[in-house]
All heavy atoms as atom14 arrays in JSON, in Angstrom:
{
  "sequence": "RFPSVNMSLASPWANPPIIGNDVWIAAKSIVFQGVKIGNGAVIGAGSV",
  "atom14_mask": [
    [1, 1, 1, 1, 1, 1, 1, 1, 1, 1, 1, 0, 0, 0],
    [1, 1, 1, 1, 1, 1, 1, 1, 1, 1, 1, 0, 0, 0],
    [1, 1, 1, 1, 1, 1, 1, 0, 0, 0, 0, 0, 0, 0],
    [1, 1, 1, 1, 1, 1, 0, 0, 0, 0, 0, 0, 0, 0],
    [1, 1, 1, 1, 1, 1, 1, 0, 0, 0, 0, 0, 0, 0],
    [1, 1, 1, 1, 1, 1, 1, 1, 0, 0, 0, 0, 0, 0],
    [1, 1, 1, 1, 1, 1, 1, 1, 0, 0, 0, 0, 0, 0],
    [1, 1, 1, 1, 1, 1, 0, 0, 0, 0, 0, 0, 0, 0],
    [1, 1, 1, 1, 1, 1, 1, 1, 0, 0, 0, 0, 0, 0],
    [1, 1, 1, 1, 1, 0, 0, 0, 0, 0, 0, 0, 0, 0],
    [1, 1, 1, 1, 1, 1, 0, 0, 0, 0, 0, 0, 0, 0],
    [1, 1, 1, 1, 1, 1, 1, 0, 0, 0, 0, 0, 0, 0],
    [1, 1, 1, 1, 1, 1, 1, 1, 1, 1, 1, 1, 1, 1],
    [1, 1, 1, 1, 1, 0, 0, 0, 0, 0, 0, 0, 0, 0],
    [1, 1, 1, 1, 1, 1, 1, 1, 0, 0, 0, 0, 0, 0],
    [1, 1, 1, 1, 1, 1, 1, 0, 0, 0, 0, 0, 0, 0],
    [1, 1, 1, 1, 1, 1, 1, 0, 0, 0, 0, 0, 0, 0],
    [1, 1, 1, 1, 1, 1, 1, 1, 0, 0, 0, 0, 0, 0],
    [1, 1, 1, 1, 1, 1, 1, 1, 0, 0, 0, 0, 0, 0],
    [1, 1, 1, 1, 0, 0, 0, 0, 0, 0, 0, 0, 0, 0],
    [1, 1, 1, 1, 1, 1, 1, 1, 0, 0, 0, 0, 0, 0],
    [1, 1, 1, 1, 1, 1, 1, 1, 0, 0, 0, 0, 0, 0],
    [1, 1, 1, 1, 1, 1, 1, 0, 0, 0, 0, 0, 0, 0],
    [1, 1, 1, 1, 1, 1, 1, 1, 1, 1, 1, 1, 1, 1],
    [1, 1, 1, 1, 1, 1, 1, 1, 0, 0, 0, 0, 0, 0],
    [1, 1, 1, 1, 1, 0, 0, 0, 0, 0, 0, 0, 0, 0],
    [1, 1, 1, 1, 1, 0, 0, 0, 0, 0, 0, 0, 0, 0],
    [1, 1, 1, 1, 1, 1, 1, 1, 1, 0, 0, 0, 0, 0],
    [1, 1, 1, 1, 1, 1, 0, 0, 0, 0, 0, 0, 0, 0],
    [1, 1, 1, 1, 1, 1, 1, 1, 0, 0, 0, 0, 0, 0],
    [1, 1, 1, 1, 1, 1, 1, 0, 0, 0, 0, 0, 0, 0],
    [1, 1, 1, 1, 1, 1, 1, 1, 1, 1, 1, 0, 0, 0],
    [1, 1, 1, 1, 1, 1, 1, 1, 1, 0, 0, 0, 0, 0],
    [1, 1, 1, 1, 0, 0, 0, 0, 0, 0, 0, 0, 0, 0],
    [1, 1, 1, 1, 1, 1, 1, 0, 0, 0, 0, 0, 0, 0],
    [1, 1, 1, 1, 1, 1, 1, 1, 1, 0, 0, 0, 0, 0],
    [1, 1, 1, 1, 1, 1, 1, 1, 0, 0, 0, 0, 0, 0],
    [1, 1, 1, 1, 0, 0, 0, 0, 0, 0, 0, 0, 0, 0],
    [1, 1, 1, 1, 1, 1, 1, 1, 0, 0, 0, 0, 0, 0],
    [1, 1, 1, 1, 0, 0, 0, 0, 0, 0, 0, 0, 0, 0],
    [1, 1, 1, 1, 1, 0, 0, 0, 0, 0, 0, 0, 0, 0],
    [1, 1, 1, 1, 1, 1, 1, 0, 0, 0, 0, 0, 0, 0],
    [1, 1, 1, 1, 1, 1, 1, 1, 0, 0, 0, 0, 0, 0],
    [1, 1, 1, 1, 0, 0, 0, 0, 0, 0, 0, 0, 0, 0],
    [1, 1, 1, 1, 1, 0, 0, 0, 0, 0, 0, 0, 0, 0],
    [1, 1, 1, 1, 0, 0, 0, 0, 0, 0, 0, 0, 0, 0],
    [1, 1, 1, 1, 1, 1, 0, 0, 0, 0, 0, 0, 0, 0],
    [1, 1, 1, 1, 1, 1, 1, 0, 0, 0, 0, 0, 0, 0]
  ],
  "atom14_positions": [
    [[86.66, -29.98, 128.69], [86.19, -28.61, 128.87], [87.4, -27.78, 129.2], [87.16, -26.53, 129.19], [85.14, -28.47, 129.89], [83.84, -29.23, 129.46], [82.78, -29.04, 130.58], [81.56, -29.85, 130.26], [80.47, -29.28, 129.7], [80.48, -27.83, 129.2], [79.41, -29.96, 129.32], [0.0, 0.0, 0.0], [0.0, 0.0, 0.0], [0.0, 0.0, 0.0]],
    [[88.44, -28.28, 129.67], [89.59, -27.42, 130.08], [90.7, -27.3, 128.94], [91.23, -28.4, 128.52], [90.2, -28.03, 131.39], [89.23, -28.27, 132.54], [88.56, -29.15, 132.8], [89.19, -27.02, 133.32], [87.62, -29.21, 133.75], [88.18, -27.0, 134.44], [87.45, -28.08, 134.7], [0.0, 0.0, 0.0], [0.0, 0.0, 0.0], [0.0, 0.0, 0.0]],
    [[91.07, -25.97, 128.7], [92.06, -25.84, 127.58], [93.39, -26.51, 127.89], [94.12, -26.83, 127.03], [92.2, -24.3, 127.68], [90.88, -23.75, 128.38], [90.63, -24.8, 129.36], [0.0, 0.0, 0.0], [0.0, 0.0, 0.0], [0.0, 0.0, 0.0], [0.0, 0.0, 0.0], [0.0, 0.0, 0.0], [0.0, 0.0, 0.0], [0.0, 0.0, 0.0]],
    [[93.68, -26.7, 129.14], [95.15, -27.16, 129.53], [95.26, -28.79, 129.21], [96.19, -29.32, 129.38], [95.43, -26.95, 130.96], [94.46, -27.47, 131.95], [0.0, 0.0, 0.0], [0.0, 0.0, 0.0], [0.0, 0.0, 0.0], [0.0, 0.0, 0.0], [0.0, 0.0, 0.0], [0.0, 0.0, 0.0], [0.0, 0.0, 0.0], [0.0, 0.0, 0.0]],
    [[94.0, -29.38, 129.15], [93.88, -30.85, 128.87], [94.56, -31.13, 127.46], [94.35, -30.38, 126.43], [92.54, -31.39, 128.97], [92.47, -32.83, 128.57], [92.23, -31.34, 130.42], [0.0, 0.0, 0.0], [0.0, 0.0, 0.0], [0.0, 0.0, 0.0], [0.0, 0.0, 0.0], [0.0, 0.0, 0.0], [0.0, 0.0, 0.0], [0.0, 0.0, 0.0]],
    [[95.3, -32.23, 127.31], [95.88, -32.67, 126.09], [94.7, -32.8, 125.08], [93.88, -33.92, 125.13], [96.51, -33.96, 126.24], [97.32, -34.43, 125.0], [97.16, -33.82, 123.93], [98.15, -35.5, 125.03], [0.0, 0.0, 0.0], [0.0, 0.0, 0.0], [0.0, 0.0, 0.0], [0.0, 0.0, 0.0], [0.0, 0.0, 0.0], [0.0, 0.0, 0.0]],
    [[94.67, -32.1, 124.03], [93.57, -32.16, 123.11], [93.77, -33.31, 122.01], [92.87, -33.47, 121.28], [93.46, -30.91, 122.32], [93.06, -29.62, 123.17], [91.61, -29.98, 124.32], [90.35, -30.1, 123.12], [0.0, 0.0, 0.0], [0.0, 0.0, 0.0], [0.0, 0.0, 0.0], [0.0, 0.0, 0.0], [0.0, 0.0, 0.0], [0.0, 0.0, 0.0]],
    [[94.79, -34.03, 122.18], [94.99, -35.28, 121.24], [94.07, -36.34, 121.82], [94.02, -37.37, 121.13], [96.48, -35.71, 121.34], [96.75, -36.16, 122.59], [0.0, 0.0, 0.0], [0.0, 0.0, 0.0], [0.0, 0.0, 0.0], [0.0, 0.0, 0.0], [0.0, 0.0, 0.0], [0.0, 0.0, 0.0], [0.0, 0.0, 0.0], [0.0, 0.0, 0.0]],
    [[93.56, -36.17, 123.0], [92.58, -37.16, 123.51], [91.39, -37.26, 122.59], [90.82, -36.16, 122.26], [92.11, -36.9, 124.96], [93.19, -36.91, 126.07], [92.63, -36.48, 127.31], [93.76, -38.41, 126.13], [0.0, 0.0, 0.0], [0.0, 0.0, 0.0], [0.0, 0.0, 0.0], [0.0, 0.0, 0.0], [0.0, 0.0, 0.0], [0.0, 0.0, 0.0]],
    [[90.96, -38.48, 122.33], [89.82, -38.52, 121.29], [88.44, -37.89, 121.98], [88.36, -37.96, 123.11], [89.53, -40.0, 121.09], [0.0, 0.0, 0.0], [0.0, 0.0, 0.0], [0.0, 0.0, 0.0], [0.0, 0.0, 0.0], [0.0, 0.0, 0.0], [0.0, 0.0, 0.0], [0.0, 0.0, 0.0], [0.0, 0.0, 0.0], [0.0, 0.0, 0.0]],
    [[87.83, -37.22, 121.06], [86.53, -36.64, 121.4], [85.55, -37.78, 121.84], [85.62, -38.84, 121.15], [85.97, -35.8, 120.26], [84.51, -35.52, 120.49], [0.0, 0.0, 0.0], [0.0, 0.0, 0.0], [0.0, 0.0, 0.0], [0.0, 0.0, 0.0], [0.0, 0.0, 0.0], [0.0, 0.0, 0.0], [0.0, 0.0, 0.0], [0.0, 0.0, 0.0]],
    [[84.75, -37.44, 122.75], [83.67, -38.44, 123.17], [82.79, -38.84, 121.93], [82.11, -39.88, 122.08], [82.92, -37.84, 124.27], [83.89, -36.79, 124.81], [84.74, -36.28, 123.64], [0.0, 0.0, 0.0], [0.0, 0.0, 0.0], [0.0, 0.0, 0.0], [0.0, 0.0, 0.0], [0.0, 0.0, 0.0], [0.0, 0.0, 0.0], [0.0, 0.0, 0.0]],
    [[82.72, -37.96, 120.95], [81.74, -38.12, 119.81], [82.46, -38.26, 118.48], [82.06, -37.89, 117.48], [80.8, -36.96, 119.83], [80.03, -36.93, 121.13], [78.91, -37.54, 121.43], [80.37, -35.96, 122.21], [78.54, -37.14, 122.72], [79.32, -36.16, 123.18], [81.24, -35.03, 122.42], [79.32, -35.46, 124.29], [81.27, -34.27, 123.56], [80.24, -34.6, 124.49]],
    [[83.7, -38.98, 118.6], [84.62, -39.0, 117.38], [84.34, -39.89, 116.41], [84.65, -39.87, 115.21], [86.07, -39.19, 117.94], [0.0, 0.0, 0.0], [0.0, 0.0, 0.0], [0.0, 0.0, 0.0], [0.0, 0.0, 0.0], [0.0, 0.0, 0.0], [0.0, 0.0, 0.0], [0.0, 0.0, 0.0], [0.0, 0.0, 0.0], [0.0, 0.0, 0.0]],
    [[83.23, -40.9, 116.71], [83.06, -42.11, 115.87], [81.49, -42.31, 115.76], [81.06, -43.39, 116.21], [83.69, -43.41, 116.48], [83.82, -44.53, 115.46], [83.48, -44.24, 114.24], [84.02, -45.65, 115.89], [0.0, 0.0, 0.0], [0.0, 0.0, 0.0], [0.0, 0.0, 0.0], [0.0, 0.0, 0.0], [0.0, 0.0, 0.0], [0.0, 0.0, 0.0]],
    [[80.83, -41.37, 115.06], [79.24, -41.45, 115.16], [78.76, -42.62, 114.52], [79.43, -43.06, 113.52], [78.95, -40.19, 114.37], [80.19, -39.82, 113.58], [81.27, -40.23, 114.31], [0.0, 0.0, 0.0], [0.0, 0.0, 0.0], [0.0, 0.0, 0.0], [0.0, 0.0, 0.0], [0.0, 0.0, 0.0], [0.0, 0.0, 0.0], [0.0, 0.0, 0.0]],
    [[77.7, -43.18, 114.85], [77.09, -44.2, 114.13], [76.54, -43.8, 112.81], [76.3, -42.68, 112.73], [75.79, -44.72, 115.08], [75.64, -43.46, 115.89], [76.92, -42.81, 116.08], [0.0, 0.0, 0.0], [0.0, 0.0, 0.0], [0.0, 0.0, 0.0], [0.0, 0.0, 0.0], [0.0, 0.0, 0.0], [0.0, 0.0, 0.0], [0.0, 0.0, 0.0]],
    [[76.6, -44.86, 111.88], [76.09, -44.53, 110.47], [74.78, -45.26, 110.38], [74.82, -46.44, 110.47], [77.09, -44.97, 109.57], [78.35, -44.09, 109.65], [76.54, -44.7, 108.07], [79.51, -44.49, 108.75], [0.0, 0.0, 0.0], [0.0, 0.0, 0.0], [0.0, 0.0, 0.0], [0.0, 0.0, 0.0], [0.0, 0.0, 0.0], [0.0, 0.0, 0.0]],
    [[73.73, -44.7, 110.16], [72.42, -45.16, 110.0], [71.99, -45.07, 108.44], [72.0, -43.9, 107.96], [71.23, -44.6, 110.91], [71.79, -44.91, 112.45], [69.94, -45.15, 110.75], [71.05, -44.13, 113.35], [0.0, 0.0, 0.0], [0.0, 0.0, 0.0], [0.0, 0.0, 0.0], [0.0, 0.0, 0.0], [0.0, 0.0, 0.0], [0.0, 0.0, 0.0]],
    [[71.62, -46.11, 107.89], [71.4, -46.19, 106.33], [70.17, -45.53, 106.06], [69.67, -44.38, 106.63], [0.0, 0.0, 0.0], [0.0, 0.0, 0.0], [0.0, 0.0, 0.0], [0.0, 0.0, 0.0], [0.0, 0.0, 0.0], [0.0, 0.0, 0.0], [0.0, 0.0, 0.0], [0.0, 0.0, 0.0], [0.0, 0.0, 0.0], [0.0, 0.0, 0.0]],
    [[69.29, -46.16, 105.13], [68.03, -45.56, 104.74], [66.9, -46.52, 105.01], [67.14, -47.7, 105.04], [68.21, -45.32, 103.15], [69.32, -44.57, 102.78], [69.38, -43.23, 102.93], [70.44, -45.18, 102.39], [0.0, 0.0, 0.0], [0.0, 0.0, 0.0], [0.0, 0.0, 0.0], [0.0, 0.0, 0.0], [0.0, 0.0, 0.0], [0.0, 0.0, 0.0]],
    [[65.75, -46.04, 105.16], [64.47, -46.77, 105.37], [64.71, -47.76, 106.74], [64.33, -48.85, 106.76], [64.21, -47.65, 104.07], [62.79, -48.34, 104.18], [61.97, -47.77, 104.93], [62.75, -49.53, 103.73], [0.0, 0.0, 0.0], [0.0, 0.0, 0.0], [0.0, 0.0, 0.0], [0.0, 0.0, 0.0], [0.0, 0.0, 0.0], [0.0, 0.0, 0.0]],
    [[65.38, -47.18, 107.61], [65.66, -47.83, 108.93], [64.57, -47.58, 109.89], [64.2, -46.35, 110.02], [67.05, -47.64, 109.47], [67.15, -48.22, 110.86], [68.1, -47.94, 108.51], [0.0, 0.0, 0.0], [0.0, 0.0, 0.0], [0.0, 0.0, 0.0], [0.0, 0.0, 0.0], [0.0, 0.0, 0.0], [0.0, 0.0, 0.0], [0.0, 0.0, 0.0]],
    [[63.98, -48.57, 110.68], [63.12, -48.27, 111.76], [63.78, -48.65, 113.02], [64.07, -49.78, 113.29], [61.69, -49.09, 111.62], [60.79, -48.99, 112.75], [60.73, -48.07, 113.69], [59.88, -49.91, 113.02], [59.72, -48.24, 114.62], [59.14, -49.43, 114.23], [59.44, -51.16, 112.36], [58.1, -50.13, 114.76], [58.35, -51.86, 113.05], [57.74, -51.34, 114.25]],
    [[63.93, -47.64, 113.89], [64.5, -47.8, 115.19], [63.3, -47.63, 116.24], [62.9, -46.49, 116.4], [65.74, -46.8, 115.55], [66.74, -46.98, 114.47], [66.25, -46.98, 116.95], [67.86, -46.05, 114.63], [0.0, 0.0, 0.0], [0.0, 0.0, 0.0], [0.0, 0.0, 0.0], [0.0, 0.0, 0.0], [0.0, 0.0, 0.0], [0.0, 0.0, 0.0]],
    [[62.94, -48.7, 116.85], [61.72, -48.56, 117.63], [62.11, -47.99, 119.12], [63.22, -47.8, 119.42], [61.28, -49.92, 117.88], [0.0, 0.0, 0.0], [0.0, 0.0, 0.0], [0.0, 0.0, 0.0], [0.0, 0.0, 0.0], [0.0, 0.0, 0.0], [0.0, 0.0, 0.0], [0.0, 0.0, 0.0], [0.0, 0.0, 0.0], [0.0, 0.0, 0.0]],
    [[61.06, -47.62, 119.85], [61.24, -46.82, 121.0], [62.07, -47.38, 122.06], [62.31, -48.59, 122.17], [59.64, -46.75, 121.72], [0.0, 0.0, 0.0], [0.0, 0.0, 0.0], [0.0, 0.0, 0.0], [0.0, 0.0, 0.0], [0.0, 0.0, 0.0], [0.0, 0.0, 0.0], [0.0, 0.0, 0.0], [0.0, 0.0, 0.0], [0.0, 0.0, 0.0]],
    [[62.82, -46.45, 122.75], [63.75, -46.72, 123.85], [64.91, -47.49, 123.48], [65.5, -48.17, 124.35], [62.82, -47.58, 124.88], [61.73, -46.59, 125.61], [61.15, -47.36, 126.68], [59.95, -46.55, 127.26], [60.2, -45.17, 127.68], [0.0, 0.0, 0.0], [0.0, 0.0, 0.0], [0.0, 0.0, 0.0], [0.0, 0.0, 0.0], [0.0, 0.0, 0.0]],
    [[65.36, -47.4, 122.18], [66.56, -48.18, 121.85], [67.74, -47.27, 121.96], [67.58, -46.01, 122.0], [66.37, -48.52, 120.36], [65.32, -49.54, 120.17], [0.0, 0.0, 0.0], [0.0, 0.0, 0.0], [0.0, 0.0, 0.0], [0.0, 0.0, 0.0], [0.0, 0.0, 0.0], [0.0, 0.0, 0.0], [0.0, 0.0, 0.0], [0.0, 0.0, 0.0]],
    [[68.86, -47.86, 122.15], [70.16, -47.27, 122.38], [71.04, -47.72, 121.09], [71.27, -48.86, 121.02], [70.74, -47.55, 123.71], [69.91, -47.04, 124.73], [72.2, -46.79, 123.81], [70.41, -47.48, 126.12], [0.0, 0.0, 0.0], [0.0, 0.0, 0.0], [0.0, 0.0, 0.0], [0.0, 0.0, 0.0], [0.0, 0.0, 0.0], [0.0, 0.0, 0.0]],
    [[71.69, -46.81, 120.49], [72.7, -47.17, 119.41], [74.08, -46.5, 119.68], [74.2, -45.29, 119.9], [72.22, -46.56, 117.92], [73.2, -46.92, 117.0], [70.77, -46.99, 117.64], [0.0, 0.0, 0.0], [0.0, 0.0, 0.0], [0.0, 0.0, 0.0], [0.0, 0.0, 0.0], [0.0, 0.0, 0.0], [0.0, 0.0, 0.0], [0.0, 0.0, 0.0]],
    [[74.94, -47.38, 119.88], [76.27, -47.05, 120.29], [77.09, -46.39, 119.16], [76.74, -46.51, 117.92], [77.22, -48.18, 120.74], [76.77, -48.58, 122.15], [75.63, -48.51, 122.74], [77.88, -49.25, 122.94], [75.45, -48.96, 124.03], [77.68, -49.57, 124.27], [76.42, -49.46, 124.76], [0.0, 0.0, 0.0], [0.0, 0.0, 0.0], [0.0, 0.0, 0.0]],
    [[78.04, -45.62, 119.57], [78.93, -45.1, 118.56], [79.74, -46.18, 117.78], [79.91, -47.32, 118.29], [80.0, -44.18, 119.26], [79.45, -42.75, 119.62], [80.52, -41.63, 119.73], [81.4, -41.73, 118.93], [80.37, -40.91, 120.74], [0.0, 0.0, 0.0], [0.0, 0.0, 0.0], [0.0, 0.0, 0.0], [0.0, 0.0, 0.0], [0.0, 0.0, 0.0]],
    [[80.15, -45.88, 116.52], [80.92, -46.73, 115.85], [80.17, -47.87, 115.08], [80.81, -48.61, 114.33], [0.0, 0.0, 0.0], [0.0, 0.0, 0.0], [0.0, 0.0, 0.0], [0.0, 0.0, 0.0], [0.0, 0.0, 0.0], [0.0, 0.0, 0.0], [0.0, 0.0, 0.0], [0.0, 0.0, 0.0], [0.0, 0.0, 0.0], [0.0, 0.0, 0.0]],
    [[78.85, -48.05, 115.32], [78.23, -49.05, 114.54], [77.53, -48.56, 113.33], [77.34, -47.47, 113.13], [77.05, -49.75, 115.48], [77.59, -50.22, 116.81], [75.89, -48.7, 115.78], [0.0, 0.0, 0.0], [0.0, 0.0, 0.0], [0.0, 0.0, 0.0], [0.0, 0.0, 0.0], [0.0, 0.0, 0.0], [0.0, 0.0, 0.0], [0.0, 0.0, 0.0]],
    [[77.36, -49.53, 112.33], [76.68, -49.21, 111.1], [75.43, -50.05, 111.0], [75.35, -51.23, 111.11], [77.55, -49.41, 109.9], [76.89, -49.21, 108.61], [77.88, -49.45, 107.47], [77.23, -49.06, 106.13], [78.21, -49.3, 105.06], [0.0, 0.0, 0.0], [0.0, 0.0, 0.0], [0.0, 0.0, 0.0], [0.0, 0.0, 0.0], [0.0, 0.0, 0.0]],
    [[74.2, -49.29, 110.82], [72.91, -49.88, 110.71], [72.53, -49.91, 109.12], [72.47, -48.82, 108.56], [71.89, -49.22, 111.44], [72.31, -49.42, 112.94], [70.6, -49.94, 111.33], [71.31, -48.79, 113.86], [0.0, 0.0, 0.0], [0.0, 0.0, 0.0], [0.0, 0.0, 0.0], [0.0, 0.0, 0.0], [0.0, 0.0, 0.0], [0.0, 0.0, 0.0]],
    [[72.42, -51.03, 108.54], [72.26, -51.1, 107.06], [70.86, -50.61, 106.68], [69.96, -50.49, 107.49], [0.0, 0.0, 0.0], [0.0, 0.0, 0.0], [0.0, 0.0, 0.0], [0.0, 0.0, 0.0], [0.0, 0.0, 0.0], [0.0, 0.0, 0.0], [0.0, 0.0, 0.0], [0.0, 0.0, 0.0], [0.0, 0.0, 0.0], [0.0, 0.0, 0.0]],
    [[70.67, -50.52, 105.33], [69.5, -50.07, 104.88], [68.42, -51.13, 105.22], [68.52, -52.24, 105.22], [69.55, -50.05, 103.24], [70.55, -49.05, 102.84], [70.7, -47.96, 103.3], [71.33, -49.35, 101.76], [0.0, 0.0, 0.0], [0.0, 0.0, 0.0], [0.0, 0.0, 0.0], [0.0, 0.0, 0.0], [0.0, 0.0, 0.0], [0.0, 0.0, 0.0]],
    [[67.04, -50.51, 105.39], [65.97, -51.4, 105.68], [65.99, -52.12, 106.93], [64.99, -52.95, 107.17], [0.0, 0.0, 0.0], [0.0, 0.0, 0.0], [0.0, 0.0, 0.0], [0.0, 0.0, 0.0], [0.0, 0.0, 0.0], [0.0, 0.0, 0.0], [0.0, 0.0, 0.0], [0.0, 0.0, 0.0], [0.0, 0.0, 0.0], [0.0, 0.0, 0.0]],
    [[66.9, -51.93, 107.83], [66.99, -52.61, 109.12], [65.8, -52.19, 109.97], [65.32, -51.17, 109.89], [68.33, -52.51, 109.69], [0.0, 0.0, 0.0], [0.0, 0.0, 0.0], [0.0, 0.0, 0.0], [0.0, 0.0, 0.0], [0.0, 0.0, 0.0], [0.0, 0.0, 0.0], [0.0, 0.0, 0.0], [0.0, 0.0, 0.0], [0.0, 0.0, 0.0]],
    [[65.39, -53.12, 110.93], [64.52, -52.84, 111.95], [65.14, -53.25, 113.33], [65.65, -54.22, 113.57], [63.16, -53.73, 111.74], [62.24, -53.53, 113.02], [62.47, -53.26, 110.49], [0.0, 0.0, 0.0], [0.0, 0.0, 0.0], [0.0, 0.0, 0.0], [0.0, 0.0, 0.0], [0.0, 0.0, 0.0], [0.0, 0.0, 0.0], [0.0, 0.0, 0.0]],
    [[65.13, -52.23, 114.29], [65.74, -52.28, 115.58], [64.45, -52.43, 116.56], [63.7, -51.5, 116.74], [66.61, -51.12, 115.99], [67.55, -50.77, 114.86], [67.19, -51.39, 117.33], [68.45, -51.88, 114.44], [0.0, 0.0, 0.0], [0.0, 0.0, 0.0], [0.0, 0.0, 0.0], [0.0, 0.0, 0.0], [0.0, 0.0, 0.0], [0.0, 0.0, 0.0]],
    [[64.41, -53.61, 117.13], [63.23, -53.77, 118.07], [63.26, -52.87, 119.32], [64.29, -52.39, 119.72], [0.0, 0.0, 0.0], [0.0, 0.0, 0.0], [0.0, 0.0, 0.0], [0.0, 0.0, 0.0], [0.0, 0.0, 0.0], [0.0, 0.0, 0.0], [0.0, 0.0, 0.0], [0.0, 0.0, 0.0], [0.0, 0.0, 0.0], [0.0, 0.0, 0.0]],
    [[62.0, -52.58, 119.8], [62.06, -51.66, 120.97], [62.83, -52.13, 122.17], [62.97, -53.2, 122.51], [60.53, -51.63, 121.44], [0.0, 0.0, 0.0], [0.0, 0.0, 0.0], [0.0, 0.0, 0.0], [0.0, 0.0, 0.0], [0.0, 0.0, 0.0], [0.0, 0.0, 0.0], [0.0, 0.0, 0.0], [0.0, 0.0, 0.0], [0.0, 0.0, 0.0]],
    [[63.5, -51.16, 122.83], [64.33, -51.37, 123.94], [65.78, -52.12, 123.6], [66.4, -52.41, 124.56], [0.0, 0.0, 0.0], [0.0, 0.0, 0.0], [0.0, 0.0, 0.0], [0.0, 0.0, 0.0], [0.0, 0.0, 0.0], [0.0, 0.0, 0.0], [0.0, 0.0, 0.0], [0.0, 0.0, 0.0], [0.0, 0.0, 0.0], [0.0, 0.0, 0.0]],
    [[66.09, -52.13, 122.32], [67.18, -52.81, 121.96], [68.54, -51.99, 122.31], [68.51, -50.64, 122.31], [67.32, -53.18, 120.54], [66.32, -54.13, 120.26], [0.0, 0.0, 0.0], [0.0, 0.0, 0.0], [0.0, 0.0, 0.0], [0.0, 0.0, 0.0], [0.0, 0.0, 0.0], [0.0, 0.0, 0.0], [0.0, 0.0, 0.0], [0.0, 0.0, 0.0]],
    [[69.64, -52.61, 122.53], [71.03, -51.98, 122.67], [71.88, -52.38, 121.53], [72.24, -53.59, 121.5], [71.55, -52.27, 124.06], [73.0, -51.48, 124.22], [70.67, -51.72, 125.21], [0.0, 0.0, 0.0], [0.0, 0.0, 0.0], [0.0, 0.0, 0.0], [0.0, 0.0, 0.0], [0.0, 0.0, 0.0], [0.0, 0.0, 0.0], [0.0, 0.0, 0.0]]
  ]
}
């Protein structure tokens, strides 16, 4: 948030996850940055 900070530092959101098509992510799941979830995948409830 501070202009004086070295802006070459990577943004906290620089590597968003990629979620394909027809994916079901069930309740209370967490998906980290940098991961790829393929087409038709199912993520069980509460998964990380």
